Each structure stands twice: as structure tokens, then as C-alpha cells.
């Protein structure tokens, strides 16, 4: 996408910002928190039984890193926007069920950067979801312009 208007620049800024958000927290989970500690944080939610915590702890941070890099670079941005929506919905579900069950696990959502309570975490995740959905909606809108009309228009 080549920015042509102020709206395009705003969407580009939001996309890069969300990409940095996912990239920083994914890298933090892998390198500062560590996979074994993140696996214990995943286990504290009580959703998965013991052997499944470690594979999830390996996959989720690396998926966050890939989504972040794709959003920053614009490569597969539409798929990365879908991945961001999926990850955020998963985080909301897991955090919400812990909140409902009265659990207070150290979620590791934001790595070791900061810790927040359930309410603030849900607000941050709602903003993250809204931003991801906005990107997904604008990416699909901008990509429709390629095949408008009876002739294919190349960028």
C-alpha cells in the first residue's frame, strides 16, 4: 500500500504501532520472561492440562512476533490483521474466564513491562481488538480497489 492521503498515513501509523505492540510483547515473552516461566503463567489459568502448556507457551509468543513483523513491514498485512484479531480474542477469552472464576494469575500478557488488574487489562485488550478490527476493515477496503471495474488495475 502506497499512502496517498492523510487517512492512508493514519492507517499506516496505526498498523506499525500495533505491529510494534505485538512484536515487543512477543519478544519480551521469549527473551525476558522465558518460555518455561511463560508456560507456568499459561498453566495458572487452568484451561489447559499439564502437557499442553509448553507447546502453547512456545507457539503464542512466536506467533505474536510474526504478526508484529508482518504488520510493521506490510507483508501479508491482511493475514497479520486477522492474526491480531485472533490473538486478541484468545487473550480476551482467557483473561475473561480467569476473571469470572475469580483467579488472579500473572497472565504474562504484557511481559515484564507492566502488570495491570483485570479491568485495566480488559480495557487494553478491547482497545487492541478495536484497533485490529479497524486494520482488518481498512486493509480489505483498500485491497478491493485493485479489481474495480472490468479491467484489472495494477499498482
C-alpha atoms as a PDB file:
ATOM      1  CA  UNK A   1       0.000   0.000   0.000  1.00  0.00           C
ATOM      2  CA  UNK A   2       1.401   3.344  -1.026  1.00  0.00           C
ATOM      3  CA  UNK A   3      -0.058   6.103   1.189  1.00  0.00           C
ATOM      4  CA  UNK A   4      -1.923   8.686  -0.886  1.00  0.00           C
ATOM      5  CA  UNK A   5      -3.954  10.622   1.672  1.00  0.00           C
ATOM      6  CA  UNK A   6      -3.853  11.588   5.322  1.00  0.00           C
ATOM      7  CA  UNK A   7      -6.198   8.665   6.086  1.00  0.00           C
ATOM      8  CA  UNK A   8      -3.695   6.269   4.495  1.00  0.00           C
ATOM      9  CA  UNK A   9      -0.915   7.715   6.650  1.00  0.00           C
ATOM     10  CA  UNK A  10      -3.082   7.372   9.758  1.00  0.00           C
ATOM     11  CA  UNK A  11      -3.828   3.719   8.991  1.00  0.00           C
ATOM     12  CA  UNK A  12      -0.144   3.103   8.263  1.00  0.00           C
ATOM     13  CA  UNK A  13       0.760   4.643  11.627  1.00  0.00           C
ATOM     14  CA  UNK A  14      -1.831   2.532  13.439  1.00  0.00           C
ATOM     15  CA  UNK A  15      -0.640  -0.616  11.651  1.00  0.00           C
ATOM     16  CA  UNK A  16       3.014  -0.010  12.533  1.00  0.00           C
ATOM     17  CA  UNK A  17       2.076   0.900  16.118  1.00  0.00           C
ATOM     18  CA  UNK A  18       0.050  -2.288  16.580  1.00  0.00           C
ATOM     19  CA  UNK A  19       2.866  -4.260  14.968  1.00  0.00           C
ATOM     20  CA  UNK A  20       5.350  -2.816  17.441  1.00  0.00           C
ATOM     21  CA  UNK A  21       2.922  -3.627  20.277  1.00  0.00           C
ATOM     22  CA  UNK A  22       2.790  -7.318  19.274  1.00  0.00           C
ATOM     23  CA  UNK A  23       6.492  -7.502  18.446  1.00  0.00           C
ATOM     24  CA  UNK A  24       7.695  -6.001  21.736  1.00  0.00           C
ATOM     25  CA  UNK A  25       5.461  -8.152  23.920  1.00  0.00           C
ATOM     26  CA  UNK A  26       6.213 -11.309  21.923  1.00  0.00           C
ATOM     27  CA  UNK A  27       9.969 -10.728  22.153  1.00  0.00           C
ATOM     28  CA  UNK A  28       9.609  -9.943  25.845  1.00  0.00           C
ATOM     29  CA  UNK A  29       7.831 -13.257  26.476  1.00  0.00           C
ATOM     30  CA  UNK A  30      10.522 -15.192  24.633  1.00  0.00           C
ATOM     31  CA  UNK A  31      13.673 -13.467  25.849  1.00  0.00           C
ATOM     32  CA  UNK A  32      12.943 -11.728  29.165  1.00  0.00           C
ATOM     33  CA  UNK A  33      10.193 -13.854  30.699  1.00  0.00           C
ATOM     34  CA  UNK A  34      11.402 -17.093  29.140  1.00  0.00           C
ATOM     35  CA  UNK A  35       9.387 -19.982  27.751  1.00  0.00           C
ATOM     36  CA  UNK A  36       9.414 -22.086  30.984  1.00  0.00           C
ATOM     37  CA  UNK A  37       8.135 -19.153  33.073  1.00  0.00           C
ATOM     38  CA  UNK A  38       5.544 -18.270  30.430  1.00  0.00           C
ATOM     39  CA  UNK A  39       4.451 -21.917  30.416  1.00  0.00           C
ATOM     40  CA  UNK A  40       3.807 -21.673  34.174  1.00  0.00           C
ATOM     41  CA  UNK A  41       1.799 -18.495  33.555  1.00  0.00           C
ATOM     42  CA  UNK A  42      -0.284 -20.327  30.936  1.00  0.00           C
ATOM     43  CA  UNK A  43      -0.840 -23.167  33.404  1.00  0.00           C
ATOM     44  CA  UNK A  44      -2.059 -20.778  36.089  1.00  0.00           C
ATOM     45  CA  UNK A  45      -5.203 -20.060  34.042  1.00  0.00           C
ATOM     46  CA  UNK A  46      -6.338 -23.665  34.478  1.00  0.00           C
ATOM     47  CA  UNK A  47      -7.610 -24.055  30.913  1.00  0.00           C
ATOM     48  CA  UNK A  48      -5.000 -26.499  29.650  1.00  0.00           C
ATOM     49  CA  UNK A  49      -3.737 -29.593  31.365  1.00  0.00           C
ATOM     50  CA  UNK A  50      -0.047 -30.002  32.077  1.00  0.00           C
ATOM     51  CA  UNK A  51       1.464 -31.396  28.871  1.00  0.00           C
ATOM     52  CA  UNK A  52      -0.236 -28.773  26.661  1.00  0.00           C
ATOM     53  CA  UNK A  53       1.044 -25.679  28.439  1.00  0.00           C
ATOM     54  CA  UNK A  54       4.544 -25.872  26.997  1.00  0.00           C
ATOM     55  CA  UNK A  55       3.547 -26.086  23.293  1.00  0.00           C
ATOM     56  CA  UNK A  56       1.185 -23.145  23.744  1.00  0.00           C
ATOM     57  CA  UNK A  57       3.932 -21.209  25.515  1.00  0.00           C
ATOM     58  CA  UNK A  58       6.239 -21.846  22.552  1.00  0.00           C
ATOM     59  CA  UNK A  59       3.724 -21.034  19.801  1.00  0.00           C
ATOM     60  CA  UNK A  60       1.891 -17.944  21.104  1.00  0.00           C
ATOM     61  CA  UNK A  61       4.897 -15.602  21.567  1.00  0.00           C
ATOM     62  CA  UNK A  62       6.418 -16.548  18.219  1.00  0.00           C
ATOM     63  CA  UNK A  63       3.056 -16.035  16.536  1.00  0.00           C
ATOM     64  CA  UNK A  64       2.907 -12.591  18.166  1.00  0.00           C
ATOM     65  CA  UNK A  65       6.375 -11.826  16.811  1.00  0.00           C
ATOM     66  CA  UNK A  66       5.433 -12.923  13.292  1.00  0.00           C
ATOM     67  CA  UNK A  67       2.184 -10.928  13.368  1.00  0.00           C
ATOM     68  CA  UNK A  68       4.085  -7.875  14.633  1.00  0.00           C
ATOM     69  CA  UNK A  69       6.753  -8.114  11.947  1.00  0.00           C
ATOM     70  CA  UNK A  70       4.152  -8.561   9.211  1.00  0.00           C
ATOM     71  CA  UNK A  71       2.169  -5.563  10.425  1.00  0.00           C
ATOM     72  CA  UNK A  72       5.291  -3.388  10.604  1.00  0.00           C
ATOM     73  CA  UNK A  73       6.599  -4.353   7.174  1.00  0.00           C
ATOM     74  CA  UNK A  74       3.205  -4.556   5.465  1.00  0.00           C
ATOM     75  CA  UNK A  75       3.997  -8.029   4.164  1.00  0.00           C
ATOM     76  CA  UNK A  76       0.840 -10.153   4.409  1.00  0.00           C
ATOM     77  CA  UNK A  77      -0.768  -7.294   6.314  1.00  0.00           C
ATOM     78  CA  UNK A  78      -4.285  -8.618   5.801  1.00  0.00           C
ATOM     79  CA  UNK A  79      -3.387 -12.013   7.233  1.00  0.00           C
ATOM     80  CA  UNK A  80      -1.464 -10.345  10.045  1.00  0.00           C
ATOM     81  CA  UNK A  81      -4.529  -8.246  10.859  1.00  0.00           C
ATOM     82  CA  UNK A  82      -6.571 -11.446  11.055  1.00  0.00           C
ATOM     83  CA  UNK A  83      -3.902 -12.991  13.271  1.00  0.00           C
ATOM     84  CA  UNK A  84      -4.002  -9.934  15.544  1.00  0.00           C
ATOM     85  CA  UNK A  85      -7.783 -10.232  15.846  1.00  0.00           C
ATOM     86  CA  UNK A  86      -7.488 -13.949  16.624  1.00  0.00           C
ATOM     87  CA  UNK A  87      -4.771 -13.484  19.227  1.00  0.00           C
ATOM     88  CA  UNK A  88      -6.677 -10.658  20.888  1.00  0.00           C
ATOM     89  CA  UNK A  89      -9.913 -12.666  21.010  1.00  0.00           C
ATOM     90  CA  UNK A  90      -7.991 -15.547  22.567  1.00  0.00           C
ATOM     91  CA  UNK A  91      -6.443 -13.222  25.172  1.00  0.00           C
ATOM     92  CA  UNK A  92      -9.871 -11.739  25.977  1.00  0.00           C
ATOM     93  CA  UNK A  93     -11.400 -15.202  26.369  1.00  0.00           C
ATOM     94  CA  UNK A  94      -8.619 -16.499  28.605  1.00  0.00           C
ATOM     95  CA  UNK A  95      -8.493 -13.356  30.746  1.00  0.00           C
ATOM     96  CA  UNK A  96     -12.276 -13.191  30.951  1.00  0.00           C
ATOM     97  CA  UNK A  97     -12.677 -16.763  32.126  1.00  0.00           C
ATOM     98  CA  UNK A  98      -9.998 -16.234  34.774  1.00  0.00           C
ATOM     99  CA  UNK A  99     -11.803 -13.099  35.925  1.00  0.00           C
ATOM    100  CA  UNK A 100     -15.159 -14.930  36.097  1.00  0.00           C
ATOM    101  CA  UNK A 101     -13.634 -17.842  38.021  1.00  0.00           C
ATOM    102  CA  UNK A 102     -12.030 -15.454  40.482  1.00  0.00           C
ATOM    103  CA  UNK A 103      -8.496 -16.422  39.521  1.00  0.00           C
ATOM    104  CA  UNK A 104      -5.787 -13.809  39.684  1.00  0.00           C
ATOM    105  CA  UNK A 105      -2.987 -15.337  37.606  1.00  0.00           C
ATOM    106  CA  UNK A 106       0.059 -13.458  36.401  1.00  0.00           C
ATOM    107  CA  UNK A 107      -1.050 -13.555  32.800  1.00  0.00           C
ATOM    108  CA  UNK A 108       2.186 -12.514  31.155  1.00  0.00           C
ATOM    109  CA  UNK A 109       0.109 -10.668  28.541  1.00  0.00           C
ATOM    110  CA  UNK A 110       2.353  -7.657  28.640  1.00  0.00           C
ATOM    111  CA  UNK A 111       5.543  -9.499  29.539  1.00  0.00           C
ATOM    112  CA  UNK A 112       7.545  -7.867  32.280  1.00  0.00           C
ATOM    113  CA  UNK A 113       6.823  -4.321  31.106  1.00  0.00           C
ATOM    114  CA  UNK A 114       3.888  -3.717  33.410  1.00  0.00           C
ATOM    115  CA  UNK A 115       1.176  -5.536  35.339  1.00  0.00           C
ATOM    116  CA  UNK A 116      -2.424  -4.398  35.453  1.00  0.00           C
ATOM    117  CA  UNK A 117      -5.617  -5.516  37.137  1.00  0.00           C
ATOM    118  CA  UNK A 118      -8.421  -7.376  35.391  1.00  0.00           C
ATOM    119  CA  UNK A 119     -10.416  -4.266  34.499  1.00  0.00           C
ATOM    120  CA  UNK A 120      -7.490  -2.368  33.011  1.00  0.00           C
ATOM    121  CA  UNK A 121      -6.337  -5.491  31.173  1.00  0.00           C
ATOM    122  CA  UNK A 122      -9.766  -5.928  29.594  1.00  0.00           C
ATOM    123  CA  UNK A 123      -9.819  -2.249  28.551  1.00  0.00           C
ATOM    124  CA  UNK A 124      -6.373  -2.592  26.939  1.00  0.00           C
ATOM    125  CA  UNK A 125      -7.466  -5.766  25.175  1.00  0.00           C
ATOM    126  CA  UNK A 126     -10.681  -4.086  23.965  1.00  0.00           C
ATOM    127  CA  UNK A 127      -8.636  -1.219  22.501  1.00  0.00           C
ATOM    128  CA  UNK A 128      -6.267  -3.759  20.926  1.00  0.00           C
ATOM    129  CA  UNK A 129      -9.259  -5.620  19.438  1.00  0.00           C
ATOM    130  CA  UNK A 130     -10.821  -2.431  18.089  1.00  0.00           C
ATOM    131  CA  UNK A 131      -7.508  -1.421  16.513  1.00  0.00           C
ATOM    132  CA  UNK A 132      -7.049  -4.869  14.956  1.00  0.00           C
ATOM    133  CA  UNK A 133     -10.585  -4.878  13.552  1.00  0.00           C
ATOM    134  CA  UNK A 134     -10.076  -1.351  12.174  1.00  0.00           C
ATOM    135  CA  UNK A 135      -6.934  -2.507  10.386  1.00  0.00           C
ATOM    136  CA  UNK A 136      -8.670  -5.585   9.031  1.00  0.00           C
ATOM    137  CA  UNK A 137     -11.574  -3.482   7.733  1.00  0.00           C
ATOM    138  CA  UNK A 138      -9.325  -0.897   6.095  1.00  0.00           C
ATOM    139  CA  UNK A 139      -6.992  -3.489   4.565  1.00  0.00           C
ATOM    140  CA  UNK A 140      -9.896  -5.276   2.894  1.00  0.00           C
ATOM    141  CA  UNK A 141     -11.345  -1.926   1.738  1.00  0.00           C
ATOM    142  CA  UNK A 142      -8.051  -0.769   0.248  1.00  0.00           C
ATOM    143  CA  UNK A 143      -7.378  -4.092  -1.459  1.00  0.00           C
ATOM    144  CA  UNK A 144     -10.742  -4.024  -3.265  1.00  0.00           C
ATOM    145  CA  UNK A 145      -9.561  -1.124  -5.411  1.00  0.00           C
ATOM    146  CA  UNK A 146      -7.248  -3.404  -7.394  1.00  0.00           C
ATOM    147  CA  UNK A 147     -10.090  -5.257  -9.121  1.00  0.00           C
ATOM    148  CA  UNK A 148     -12.578  -2.400  -9.511  1.00  0.00           C
ATOM    149  CA  UNK A 149     -14.262  -2.151 -12.900  1.00  0.00           C
ATOM    150  CA  UNK A 150     -13.947  -4.532 -15.792  1.00  0.00           C
ATOM    151  CA  UNK A 151     -10.199  -4.114 -16.200  1.00  0.00           C
ATOM    152  CA  UNK A 152      -7.565  -5.143 -13.730  1.00  0.00           C
ATOM    153  CA  UNK A 153      -5.601  -2.162 -12.461  1.00  0.00           C
ATOM    154  CA  UNK A 154      -2.073  -2.803 -11.339  1.00  0.00           C
ATOM    155  CA  UNK A 155      -0.477  -0.611  -8.635  1.00  0.00           C
END
